[in-house]
N, C-alpha and C. Protein backbone atom coordinates (compact mmCIF):
# COMPACT_ATOMS: atom_id res chain seq x y z
N MET A 1 0.83 -1.19 0.00
CA MET A 1 0.00 0.00 0.00
C MET A 1 0.88 1.26 0.00
N LEU A 2 1.94 1.22 0.77
CA LEU A 2 2.82 2.37 0.84
C LEU A 2 3.49 2.63 -0.50
N SER A 3 3.82 1.56 -1.21
CA SER A 3 4.45 1.74 -2.52
C SER A 3 3.46 2.30 -3.54
N LEU A 4 2.15 2.10 -3.30
CA LEU A 4 1.15 2.66 -4.21
C LEU A 4 1.03 4.18 -4.01
N LEU A 5 1.24 4.64 -2.77
CA LEU A 5 1.13 6.07 -2.49
C LEU A 5 2.44 6.81 -2.73
N PHE A 6 3.57 6.18 -2.42
CA PHE A 6 4.88 6.82 -2.57
C PHE A 6 5.83 5.93 -3.37
N PRO A 7 5.59 5.80 -4.68
CA PRO A 7 6.45 4.92 -5.48
C PRO A 7 7.77 5.61 -5.85
N THR A 8 8.74 4.80 -6.23
CA THR A 8 10.00 5.37 -6.70
C THR A 8 9.85 5.95 -8.09
N ASP A 9 8.99 5.34 -8.91
CA ASP A 9 8.73 5.82 -10.27
C ASP A 9 7.21 5.94 -10.45
N PRO A 10 6.61 7.12 -10.19
CA PRO A 10 5.15 7.26 -10.24
C PRO A 10 4.59 7.03 -11.64
N THR A 11 3.43 6.42 -11.68
CA THR A 11 2.71 6.21 -12.94
C THR A 11 1.33 6.82 -12.82
N TRP A 12 0.52 6.66 -13.85
CA TRP A 12 -0.82 7.23 -13.84
C TRP A 12 -1.68 6.59 -12.76
N VAL A 13 -1.38 5.35 -12.36
CA VAL A 13 -2.14 4.68 -11.30
C VAL A 13 -1.93 5.40 -9.97
N ASN A 14 -0.69 5.78 -9.70
CA ASN A 14 -0.39 6.47 -8.44
C ASN A 14 -1.09 7.82 -8.38
N TYR A 15 -1.06 8.54 -9.49
CA TYR A 15 -1.75 9.83 -9.52
C TYR A 15 -3.25 9.64 -9.38
N GLY A 16 -3.77 8.57 -9.96
CA GLY A 16 -5.19 8.27 -9.82
C GLY A 16 -5.58 7.98 -8.38
N VAL A 17 -4.71 7.26 -7.67
CA VAL A 17 -4.98 6.96 -6.26
C VAL A 17 -5.01 8.26 -5.46
N TRP A 18 -4.07 9.16 -5.71
CA TRP A 18 -4.06 10.44 -4.99
C TRP A 18 -5.30 11.27 -5.32
N LEU A 19 -5.73 11.26 -6.58
CA LEU A 19 -6.95 11.98 -6.95
C LEU A 19 -8.17 11.36 -6.29
N LEU A 20 -8.20 10.05 -6.18
CA LEU A 20 -9.31 9.37 -5.52
C LEU A 20 -9.36 9.74 -4.03
N ILE A 21 -8.20 9.79 -3.39
CA ILE A 21 -8.15 10.18 -1.97
C ILE A 21 -8.61 11.63 -1.80
N ALA A 22 -8.15 12.53 -2.66
CA ALA A 22 -8.55 13.93 -2.57
C ALA A 22 -10.05 14.08 -2.83
N GLY A 23 -10.57 13.33 -3.78
CA GLY A 23 -12.01 13.38 -4.07
C GLY A 23 -12.84 12.88 -2.90
N ALA A 24 -12.37 11.82 -2.25
CA ALA A 24 -13.09 11.29 -1.08
C ALA A 24 -13.09 12.30 0.05
N MET A 25 -11.98 13.01 0.24
CA MET A 25 -11.91 14.03 1.29
C MET A 25 -12.86 15.19 0.99
N LEU A 26 -12.92 15.62 -0.26
CA LEU A 26 -13.84 16.70 -0.63
C LEU A 26 -15.29 16.27 -0.47
N LEU A 27 -15.59 15.02 -0.82
CA LEU A 27 -16.95 14.50 -0.64
C LEU A 27 -17.31 14.48 0.84
N TRP A 28 -16.38 14.04 1.69
CA TRP A 28 -16.63 14.00 3.13
C TRP A 28 -16.86 15.41 3.68
N LEU A 29 -16.08 16.38 3.23
CA LEU A 29 -16.27 17.75 3.70
C LEU A 29 -17.61 18.31 3.25
N SER A 30 -18.04 18.00 2.04
CA SER A 30 -19.33 18.49 1.57
C SER A 30 -20.47 17.84 2.35
N ILE A 31 -20.32 16.57 2.72
CA ILE A 31 -21.35 15.91 3.54
C ILE A 31 -21.41 16.56 4.91
N LEU A 32 -20.25 16.82 5.52
CA LEU A 32 -20.23 17.46 6.84
C LEU A 32 -20.87 18.84 6.79
N LYS A 33 -20.59 19.59 5.72
CA LYS A 33 -21.16 20.93 5.59
C LYS A 33 -22.67 20.86 5.44
N ARG A 34 -23.15 19.88 4.70
CA ARG A 34 -24.59 19.74 4.50
C ARG A 34 -25.28 19.33 5.79
N VAL A 35 -24.64 18.48 6.59
CA VAL A 35 -25.25 18.01 7.83
C VAL A 35 -25.21 19.07 8.92
N TYR A 36 -24.06 19.72 9.10
CA TYR A 36 -23.88 20.65 10.21
C TYR A 36 -24.06 22.11 9.84
N GLY A 37 -24.28 22.42 8.60
CA GLY A 37 -24.48 23.79 8.18
C GLY A 37 -23.17 24.48 7.87
N PRO A 38 -23.27 25.70 7.34
CA PRO A 38 -22.07 26.41 6.92
C PRO A 38 -21.20 26.90 8.07
N LYS A 39 -21.79 27.07 9.24
CA LYS A 39 -21.02 27.59 10.37
C LYS A 39 -20.96 26.55 11.48
N VAL A 40 -19.82 26.41 12.05
CA VAL A 40 -19.65 25.52 13.20
C VAL A 40 -19.42 26.40 14.41
N HIS A 41 -20.26 26.24 15.41
CA HIS A 41 -20.15 27.04 16.61
C HIS A 41 -19.47 26.21 17.69
N PRO A 42 -18.59 26.81 18.46
CA PRO A 42 -17.94 26.05 19.53
C PRO A 42 -18.96 25.64 20.58
N ILE A 43 -18.77 24.47 21.14
CA ILE A 43 -19.69 23.96 22.16
C ILE A 43 -19.20 24.43 23.51
N THR A 44 -20.05 25.13 24.24
CA THR A 44 -19.71 25.59 25.58
C THR A 44 -20.14 24.55 26.59
N SER A 45 -19.78 24.76 27.83
CA SER A 45 -20.11 23.78 28.86
C SER A 45 -21.61 23.70 29.12
N ARG A 46 -22.35 24.75 28.80
CA ARG A 46 -23.79 24.74 29.05
C ARG A 46 -24.61 24.45 27.80
N GLN A 47 -23.95 24.10 26.74
CA GLN A 47 -24.62 23.90 25.47
C GLN A 47 -24.70 22.41 25.15
N HIS A 48 -25.82 21.99 24.63
CA HIS A 48 -25.98 20.61 24.21
C HIS A 48 -25.49 20.47 22.78
N VAL A 49 -25.11 19.28 22.39
CA VAL A 49 -24.62 19.04 21.04
C VAL A 49 -25.75 19.33 20.05
N GLY A 50 -25.46 20.14 19.05
CA GLY A 50 -26.44 20.49 18.04
C GLY A 50 -27.24 21.73 18.36
N GLU A 51 -27.16 22.22 19.59
CA GLU A 51 -27.90 23.42 19.97
C GLU A 51 -27.10 24.66 19.57
N ARG A 52 -27.77 25.59 18.95
CA ARG A 52 -27.10 26.83 18.55
C ARG A 52 -27.51 27.95 19.50
N LEU A 53 -26.52 28.59 20.08
CA LEU A 53 -26.77 29.68 21.00
C LEU A 53 -26.78 31.00 20.26
N THR A 54 -27.56 31.94 20.77
CA THR A 54 -27.56 33.28 20.20
C THR A 54 -26.38 34.05 20.78
N MET A 55 -26.04 35.16 20.14
CA MET A 55 -24.93 35.98 20.64
C MET A 55 -25.23 36.49 22.04
N LEU A 56 -26.49 36.83 22.31
CA LEU A 56 -26.87 37.32 23.64
C LEU A 56 -26.62 36.24 24.69
N GLN A 57 -26.95 34.98 24.39
CA GLN A 57 -26.71 33.90 25.35
C GLN A 57 -25.22 33.70 25.60
N ILE A 58 -24.42 33.79 24.55
CA ILE A 58 -22.98 33.62 24.70
C ILE A 58 -22.39 34.74 25.54
N VAL A 59 -22.81 35.98 25.26
CA VAL A 59 -22.30 37.13 26.01
C VAL A 59 -22.72 37.03 27.47
N ASN A 60 -23.97 36.64 27.73
CA ASN A 60 -24.43 36.53 29.11
C ASN A 60 -23.70 35.42 29.86
N GLN A 61 -23.36 34.33 29.19
CA GLN A 61 -22.58 33.28 29.85
C GLN A 61 -21.20 33.79 30.25
N GLU A 62 -20.57 34.55 29.34
CA GLU A 62 -19.26 35.11 29.66
C GLU A 62 -19.35 36.11 30.80
N ARG A 63 -20.42 36.90 30.82
CA ARG A 63 -20.60 37.88 31.90
C ARG A 63 -20.82 37.17 33.24
N GLU A 64 -21.59 36.09 33.24
CA GLU A 64 -21.81 35.34 34.47
C GLU A 64 -20.51 34.74 35.00
N GLU A 65 -19.65 34.27 34.09
CA GLU A 65 -18.37 33.71 34.51
C GLU A 65 -17.49 34.77 35.16
N ARG A 66 -17.65 36.02 34.74
CA ARG A 66 -16.87 37.12 35.32
C ARG A 66 -17.53 37.73 36.55
N GLY A 67 -18.73 37.26 36.88
CA GLY A 67 -19.44 37.78 38.05
C GLY A 67 -20.26 39.02 37.76
N LEU A 68 -20.57 39.29 36.50
CA LEU A 68 -21.37 40.45 36.12
C LEU A 68 -22.82 40.03 35.90
N ILE A 69 -23.71 41.01 35.97
CA ILE A 69 -25.13 40.70 35.74
C ILE A 69 -25.37 40.54 34.24
N PRO A 70 -26.32 39.68 33.87
CA PRO A 70 -26.59 39.47 32.44
C PRO A 70 -27.26 40.69 31.80
N LEU A 71 -27.05 40.84 30.50
CA LEU A 71 -27.65 41.94 29.75
C LEU A 71 -29.06 41.58 29.32
N THR A 72 -29.90 42.60 29.21
CA THR A 72 -31.22 42.39 28.63
C THR A 72 -31.10 42.51 27.11
N ASP A 73 -32.18 42.19 26.42
CA ASP A 73 -32.18 42.30 24.96
C ASP A 73 -31.90 43.73 24.51
N GLU A 74 -32.49 44.69 25.20
CA GLU A 74 -32.33 46.10 24.83
C GLU A 74 -30.89 46.57 25.05
N GLU A 75 -30.30 46.21 26.18
CA GLU A 75 -28.92 46.60 26.46
C GLU A 75 -27.96 45.99 25.44
N PHE A 76 -28.20 44.74 25.09
CA PHE A 76 -27.34 44.08 24.11
C PHE A 76 -27.48 44.74 22.74
N PHE A 77 -28.71 45.10 22.37
CA PHE A 77 -28.93 45.77 21.08
C PHE A 77 -28.22 47.12 21.06
N ASN A 78 -28.26 47.86 22.17
CA ASN A 78 -27.57 49.15 22.23
C ASN A 78 -26.06 48.98 22.11
N LEU A 79 -25.50 47.95 22.75
CA LEU A 79 -24.07 47.68 22.63
C LEU A 79 -23.69 47.32 21.20
N GLU A 80 -24.55 46.54 20.54
CA GLU A 80 -24.28 46.18 19.14
C GLU A 80 -24.28 47.42 18.25
N GLU A 81 -25.23 48.33 18.50
CA GLU A 81 -25.28 49.57 17.72
C GLU A 81 -24.01 50.40 17.92
N LYS A 82 -23.54 50.49 19.16
CA LYS A 82 -22.32 51.25 19.43
C LYS A 82 -21.12 50.63 18.72
N MET A 83 -21.05 49.31 18.71
CA MET A 83 -19.94 48.64 18.04
C MET A 83 -19.98 48.87 16.53
N MET A 84 -21.17 48.88 15.96
CA MET A 84 -21.29 49.11 14.51
C MET A 84 -20.90 50.54 14.15
N LYS A 85 -21.21 51.49 15.03
CA LYS A 85 -20.85 52.88 14.77
C LYS A 85 -19.34 53.08 14.85
N ARG A 86 -18.67 52.32 15.70
CA ARG A 86 -17.21 52.44 15.83
C ARG A 86 -16.49 51.94 14.59
N ARG A 87 -17.08 51.00 13.89
CA ARG A 87 -16.44 50.46 12.69
C ARG A 87 -16.57 51.46 11.61
């Protein structure tokens, strides 16, 4: 098997094997993208597998870890507006 992947004198068979491996990897990536969506979100300690958290939930979890009070929807929206104006 190793000689098929790394031969001393490569032929069209060896290149075909490498193309087959690359094609299988691309197929696997496309399947993963279709199953899990275009974005992969990191799983936090309070998140279940497959559950997508909103930005407000993520920010409030970080604030709780620091000992701060959680933000309301309105406060979070105002902070987002300020950040957009700074850009």
